[in-house]
Each structure stands twice: as C-alpha cells, then as structure tokens.
C-alpha cells in the first residue's frame, strides 16, 4: 500500500467536515492561483508547479468518497 500523502484538507485549506461543493470551489480557486503556466520566472514557476501538484493530489483524494474516508 502506498504511504498516505500529507493532509489533503490542509493542502486545500478546507475543514474536515466540509462538503463536496466547498472542496470543488476551493480547488478551482487554488488551481487558477497556482497554475504554473501563469508564471514566467523559472524559480517561481517551479515552486508553483509543486504547489499545483499538491493541490491536484489533495483534490483527487477528497473528491473520491472512498479515498476521503481514509483521512476521516
């Protein structure tokens, strides 16, 4: 079994008792804010790419009820 990634709730900045609508809206806002294609400076782009990847992973976990149950 793969080790669990860091807390997905913290990655998205949502409480553990939030609903799917809040998870989705928060995810969309964060994706727009951190998408690496929005940055031209390579250092910032790399940092944002890492943030973006964490956000993607967190959303993948929290949007799937079975995966989310692992963290609850």
Foldseek 3Di string as FASTA:
>chain_A
DDDDDPALCVLLVHDLPDDPVVLVVSLVVLCVVLVLVVDDPPVSSVVSVVSNVSSVVSSVQVVDPVSSVVVD
